Amino acid sequence: MEGISMGALTRLTSGGQVTLPKEIRTRINMQPGDFVEVKLDGEGHIVLTPKKLVDASQAYFWTEEWQKGERKADEDIKAGRVKRFKSAADAVKYLEDKG
């Protein structure tokens, strides 16, 4: 969506709420209950950024180090640098024999 601009006029309610227009919610796949980060930038603009909360037990997956490994694994798969096994025991044996 880089370079694509969408705008809409909406009204602030007495409770301080703003409704995001349906077209924008649909475009960025927002659902009721999703979280939005609200920031004020240096020019006084309000910036809303959709956020997904991650369970603490899954947070490791989103670390830069883990994501780097995921990208490398994806590259290996695309390049055919993989080996298939009939069972987990065969995979373990392969690793033990290789090491």
N, C-alpha and C. Protein backbone atom coordinates (compact mmCIF):
# COMPACT_ATOMS: atom_id res chain seq x y z
N MET A 1 0.82 -1.20 0.00
CA MET A 1 0.00 0.00 0.00
C MET A 1 0.86 1.26 0.00
N GLU A 2 2.16 1.10 -0.13
CA GLU A 2 3.07 2.25 -0.17
C GLU A 2 2.63 3.19 -1.29
N GLY A 3 2.56 4.47 -0.98
CA GLY A 3 2.22 5.46 -1.98
C GLY A 3 0.73 5.62 -2.22
N ILE A 4 -0.09 4.78 -1.61
CA ILE A 4 -1.53 4.88 -1.78
C ILE A 4 -2.10 5.68 -0.62
N SER A 5 -2.89 6.69 -0.94
CA SER A 5 -3.46 7.54 0.10
C SER A 5 -4.97 7.41 0.10
N MET A 6 -5.52 7.19 1.28
CA MET A 6 -6.97 7.15 1.43
C MET A 6 -7.33 8.14 2.52
N GLY A 7 -8.36 8.89 2.32
CA GLY A 7 -8.78 9.84 3.34
C GLY A 7 -10.28 9.83 3.50
N ALA A 8 -10.73 10.25 4.66
CA ALA A 8 -12.16 10.34 4.94
C ALA A 8 -12.36 11.30 6.10
N LEU A 9 -13.50 11.91 6.14
CA LEU A 9 -13.85 12.81 7.23
C LEU A 9 -14.70 12.03 8.22
N THR A 10 -14.35 12.12 9.48
CA THR A 10 -15.11 11.45 10.53
C THR A 10 -15.24 12.42 11.69
N ARG A 11 -16.11 12.12 12.64
CA ARG A 11 -16.40 13.04 13.73
C ARG A 11 -16.01 12.43 15.06
N LEU A 12 -15.46 13.26 15.94
CA LEU A 12 -15.12 12.85 17.30
C LEU A 12 -16.39 12.90 18.14
N THR A 13 -16.68 11.80 18.85
CA THR A 13 -17.88 11.77 19.70
C THR A 13 -17.58 12.43 21.04
N SER A 14 -18.63 12.65 21.82
CA SER A 14 -18.46 13.26 23.14
C SER A 14 -17.63 12.37 24.05
N GLY A 15 -17.59 11.07 23.75
CA GLY A 15 -16.78 10.13 24.53
C GLY A 15 -15.35 10.02 24.03
N GLY A 16 -14.99 10.84 23.05
CA GLY A 16 -13.63 10.82 22.52
C GLY A 16 -13.38 9.73 21.50
N GLN A 17 -14.44 9.12 20.97
CA GLN A 17 -14.28 8.04 20.00
C GLN A 17 -14.36 8.55 18.57
N VAL A 18 -13.64 7.85 17.69
CA VAL A 18 -13.65 8.15 16.26
C VAL A 18 -13.99 6.85 15.54
N THR A 19 -14.88 6.92 14.56
CA THR A 19 -15.20 5.74 13.76
C THR A 19 -14.30 5.72 12.54
N LEU A 20 -13.60 4.59 12.35
CA LEU A 20 -12.79 4.43 11.14
C LEU A 20 -13.73 4.01 10.01
N PRO A 21 -13.69 4.69 8.88
CA PRO A 21 -14.60 4.35 7.78
C PRO A 21 -14.42 2.89 7.33
N LYS A 22 -15.53 2.28 6.92
CA LYS A 22 -15.54 0.88 6.51
C LYS A 22 -14.51 0.60 5.42
N GLU A 23 -14.39 1.49 4.44
CA GLU A 23 -13.45 1.28 3.34
C GLU A 23 -12.02 1.13 3.85
N ILE A 24 -11.67 1.92 4.84
CA ILE A 24 -10.32 1.86 5.40
C ILE A 24 -10.16 0.60 6.24
N ARG A 25 -11.16 0.28 7.08
CA ARG A 25 -11.08 -0.95 7.89
C ARG A 25 -10.94 -2.18 7.00
N THR A 26 -11.70 -2.19 5.91
CA THR A 26 -11.64 -3.33 4.99
C THR A 26 -10.27 -3.40 4.32
N ARG A 27 -9.77 -2.28 3.88
CA ARG A 27 -8.49 -2.22 3.16
C ARG A 27 -7.35 -2.76 4.01
N ILE A 28 -7.38 -2.49 5.32
CA ILE A 28 -6.28 -2.94 6.18
C ILE A 28 -6.68 -4.14 7.04
N ASN A 29 -7.83 -4.73 6.71
CA ASN A 29 -8.30 -5.96 7.37
C ASN A 29 -8.41 -5.81 8.89
N MET A 30 -9.03 -4.73 9.33
CA MET A 30 -9.27 -4.53 10.76
C MET A 30 -10.62 -5.11 11.14
N GLN A 31 -10.65 -5.74 12.31
CA GLN A 31 -11.87 -6.36 12.82
C GLN A 31 -12.24 -5.71 14.16
N PRO A 32 -13.52 -5.77 14.55
CA PRO A 32 -13.89 -5.26 15.88
C PRO A 32 -13.05 -5.93 16.96
N GLY A 33 -12.56 -5.13 17.88
CA GLY A 33 -11.71 -5.65 18.96
C GLY A 33 -10.23 -5.53 18.68
N ASP A 34 -9.84 -5.23 17.43
CA ASP A 34 -8.42 -5.04 17.11
C ASP A 34 -7.89 -3.82 17.84
N PHE A 35 -6.59 -3.81 18.07
CA PHE A 35 -5.95 -2.69 18.75
C PHE A 35 -5.37 -1.70 17.75
N VAL A 36 -5.36 -0.43 18.16
CA VAL A 36 -4.81 0.65 17.34
C VAL A 36 -3.90 1.49 18.23
N GLU A 37 -2.67 1.69 17.79
CA GLU A 37 -1.75 2.58 18.51
C GLU A 37 -2.03 4.00 18.05
N VAL A 38 -2.09 4.94 18.99
CA VAL A 38 -2.36 6.34 18.68
C VAL A 38 -1.13 7.15 19.07
N LYS A 39 -0.59 7.89 18.09
CA LYS A 39 0.58 8.74 18.35
C LYS A 39 0.32 10.13 17.78
N LEU A 40 1.01 11.08 18.35
CA LEU A 40 0.99 12.45 17.84
C LEU A 40 2.38 12.70 17.27
N ASP A 41 2.46 13.01 15.96
CA ASP A 41 3.78 13.22 15.37
C ASP A 41 4.26 14.65 15.61
N GLY A 42 5.45 14.95 15.16
CA GLY A 42 6.07 16.25 15.40
C GLY A 42 5.34 17.42 14.77
N GLU A 43 4.48 17.15 13.80
CA GLU A 43 3.73 18.21 13.12
C GLU A 43 2.31 18.35 13.66
N GLY A 44 2.00 17.62 14.74
CA GLY A 44 0.67 17.70 15.33
C GLY A 44 -0.36 16.81 14.67
N HIS A 45 0.08 15.88 13.80
CA HIS A 45 -0.84 14.95 13.16
C HIS A 45 -1.07 13.74 14.06
N ILE A 46 -2.29 13.29 14.12
CA ILE A 46 -2.61 12.06 14.85
C ILE A 46 -2.36 10.90 13.90
N VAL A 47 -1.56 9.94 14.35
CA VAL A 47 -1.22 8.78 13.53
C VAL A 47 -1.79 7.53 14.20
N LEU A 48 -2.64 6.82 13.49
CA LEU A 48 -3.22 5.57 13.99
C LEU A 48 -2.53 4.41 13.28
N THR A 49 -2.05 3.44 14.06
CA THR A 49 -1.37 2.28 13.49
C THR A 49 -2.00 1.01 14.05
N PRO A 50 -2.54 0.14 13.17
CA PRO A 50 -3.10 -1.12 13.65
C PRO A 50 -2.02 -1.96 14.32
N LYS A 51 -2.36 -2.62 15.41
CA LYS A 51 -1.40 -3.46 16.14
C LYS A 51 -2.05 -4.81 16.44
N LYS A 52 -1.24 -5.84 16.38
CA LYS A 52 -1.68 -7.18 16.78
C LYS A 52 -0.91 -7.55 18.03
N LEU A 53 -1.61 -7.96 19.06
CA LEU A 53 -0.96 -8.37 20.30
C LEU A 53 -0.51 -9.82 20.15
N VAL A 54 0.66 -10.11 20.68
CA VAL A 54 1.23 -11.45 20.60
C VAL A 54 1.29 -12.04 22.00
N ASP A 55 0.81 -13.27 22.15
CA ASP A 55 0.89 -13.97 23.42
C ASP A 55 2.35 -14.05 23.84
N ALA A 56 2.63 -13.82 25.11
CA ALA A 56 4.01 -13.80 25.61
C ALA A 56 4.75 -15.09 25.28
N SER A 57 4.05 -16.21 25.27
CA SER A 57 4.71 -17.48 24.98
C SER A 57 5.12 -17.60 23.51
N GLN A 58 4.60 -16.71 22.66
CA GLN A 58 4.93 -16.73 21.23
C GLN A 58 5.80 -15.55 20.81
N ALA A 59 6.17 -14.70 21.75
CA ALA A 59 6.90 -13.48 21.43
C ALA A 59 8.25 -13.76 20.78
N TYR A 60 8.91 -14.87 21.16
CA TYR A 60 10.22 -15.20 20.59
C TYR A 60 10.16 -15.25 19.07
N PHE A 61 9.03 -15.72 18.52
CA PHE A 61 8.90 -15.90 17.08
C PHE A 61 9.06 -14.58 16.34
N TRP A 62 8.69 -13.49 16.98
CA TRP A 62 8.71 -12.18 16.32
C TRP A 62 9.98 -11.39 16.59
N THR A 63 10.95 -11.98 17.29
CA THR A 63 12.22 -11.29 17.49
C THR A 63 12.96 -11.22 16.16
N GLU A 64 13.81 -10.21 16.00
CA GLU A 64 14.57 -10.05 14.76
C GLU A 64 15.43 -11.28 14.49
N GLU A 65 16.05 -11.82 15.54
CA GLU A 65 16.91 -13.00 15.37
C GLU A 65 16.11 -14.18 14.81
N TRP A 66 14.93 -14.44 15.38
CA TRP A 66 14.12 -15.57 14.92
C TRP A 66 13.63 -15.33 13.49
N GLN A 67 13.19 -14.12 13.21
CA GLN A 67 12.70 -13.81 11.87
C GLN A 67 13.81 -13.93 10.83
N LYS A 68 15.04 -13.60 11.21
CA LYS A 68 16.19 -13.77 10.31
C LYS A 68 16.33 -15.25 9.96
N GLY A 69 16.20 -16.13 10.96
CA GLY A 69 16.26 -17.56 10.72
C GLY A 69 15.12 -18.05 9.84
N GLU A 70 13.93 -17.48 10.04
CA GLU A 70 12.77 -17.84 9.20
C GLU A 70 13.02 -17.46 7.75
N ARG A 71 13.59 -16.27 7.53
CA ARG A 71 13.88 -15.83 6.16
C ARG A 71 14.91 -16.75 5.51
N LYS A 72 15.95 -17.14 6.29
CA LYS A 72 16.98 -18.05 5.77
C LYS A 72 16.36 -19.40 5.44
N ALA A 73 15.50 -19.91 6.30
CA ALA A 73 14.83 -21.19 6.04
C ALA A 73 13.98 -21.11 4.77
N ASP A 74 13.27 -20.01 4.60
CA ASP A 74 12.46 -19.83 3.38
C ASP A 74 13.34 -19.84 2.14
N GLU A 75 14.50 -19.17 2.22
CA GLU A 75 15.44 -19.16 1.09
C GLU A 75 15.94 -20.57 0.79
N ASP A 76 16.28 -21.33 1.84
CA ASP A 76 16.75 -22.70 1.65
C ASP A 76 15.68 -23.57 0.99
N ILE A 77 14.44 -23.41 1.42
CA ILE A 77 13.34 -24.19 0.84
C ILE A 77 13.17 -23.84 -0.63
N LYS A 78 13.16 -22.54 -0.96
CA LYS A 78 13.00 -22.11 -2.35
C LYS A 78 14.14 -22.60 -3.23
N ALA A 79 15.35 -22.66 -2.66
CA ALA A 79 16.53 -23.08 -3.42
C ALA A 79 16.68 -24.61 -3.47
N GLY A 80 15.80 -25.32 -2.78
CA GLY A 80 15.87 -26.78 -2.79
C GLY A 80 16.91 -27.36 -1.85
N ARG A 81 17.40 -26.56 -0.92
CA ARG A 81 18.40 -27.04 0.05
C ARG A 81 17.71 -27.66 1.26
N VAL A 82 16.92 -28.69 0.99
CA VAL A 82 16.18 -29.38 2.05
C VAL A 82 16.28 -30.89 1.83
N LYS A 83 16.02 -31.64 2.86
CA LYS A 83 16.00 -33.10 2.77
C LYS A 83 14.73 -33.58 3.45
N ARG A 84 14.04 -34.50 2.82
CA ARG A 84 12.79 -35.04 3.37
C ARG A 84 13.07 -36.39 4.03
N PHE A 85 12.34 -36.66 5.10
CA PHE A 85 12.49 -37.91 5.84
C PHE A 85 11.13 -38.58 5.99
N LYS A 86 11.15 -39.91 6.09
CA LYS A 86 9.91 -40.66 6.26
C LYS A 86 9.41 -40.58 7.70
N SER A 87 10.34 -40.34 8.63
CA SER A 87 9.95 -40.28 10.04
C SER A 87 10.89 -39.35 10.79
N ALA A 88 10.48 -38.97 11.98
CA ALA A 88 11.34 -38.14 12.84
C ALA A 88 12.59 -38.91 13.22
N ALA A 89 12.45 -40.22 13.43
CA ALA A 89 13.61 -41.05 13.78
C ALA A 89 14.64 -41.03 12.66
N ASP A 90 14.19 -41.07 11.41
CA ASP A 90 15.11 -41.00 10.27
C ASP A 90 15.84 -39.65 10.25
N ALA A 91 15.13 -38.58 10.57
CA ALA A 91 15.75 -37.26 10.61
C ALA A 91 16.79 -37.18 11.71
N VAL A 92 16.48 -37.70 12.89
CA VAL A 92 17.43 -37.69 14.00
C VAL A 92 18.66 -38.51 13.64
N LYS A 93 18.46 -39.68 13.04
CA LYS A 93 19.58 -40.53 12.65
C LYS A 93 20.47 -39.80 11.65
N TYR A 94 19.86 -39.12 10.68
CA TYR A 94 20.62 -38.35 9.69
C TYR A 94 21.49 -37.29 10.38
N LEU A 95 20.91 -36.58 11.32
CA LEU A 95 21.65 -35.53 12.04
C LEU A 95 22.77 -36.13 12.88
N GLU A 96 22.51 -37.24 13.54
CA GLU A 96 23.54 -37.90 14.36
C GLU A 96 24.69 -38.41 13.49
N ASP A 97 24.36 -39.00 12.35
CA ASP A 97 25.39 -39.52 11.44
C ASP A 97 26.20 -38.38 10.83
N LYS A 98 25.54 -37.26 10.58
CA LYS A 98 26.20 -36.11 9.95
C LYS A 98 27.14 -35.41 10.93
N GLY A 99 26.77 -35.39 12.22
CA GLY A 99 27.50 -34.64 13.22
C GLY A 99 28.67 -35.37 13.72
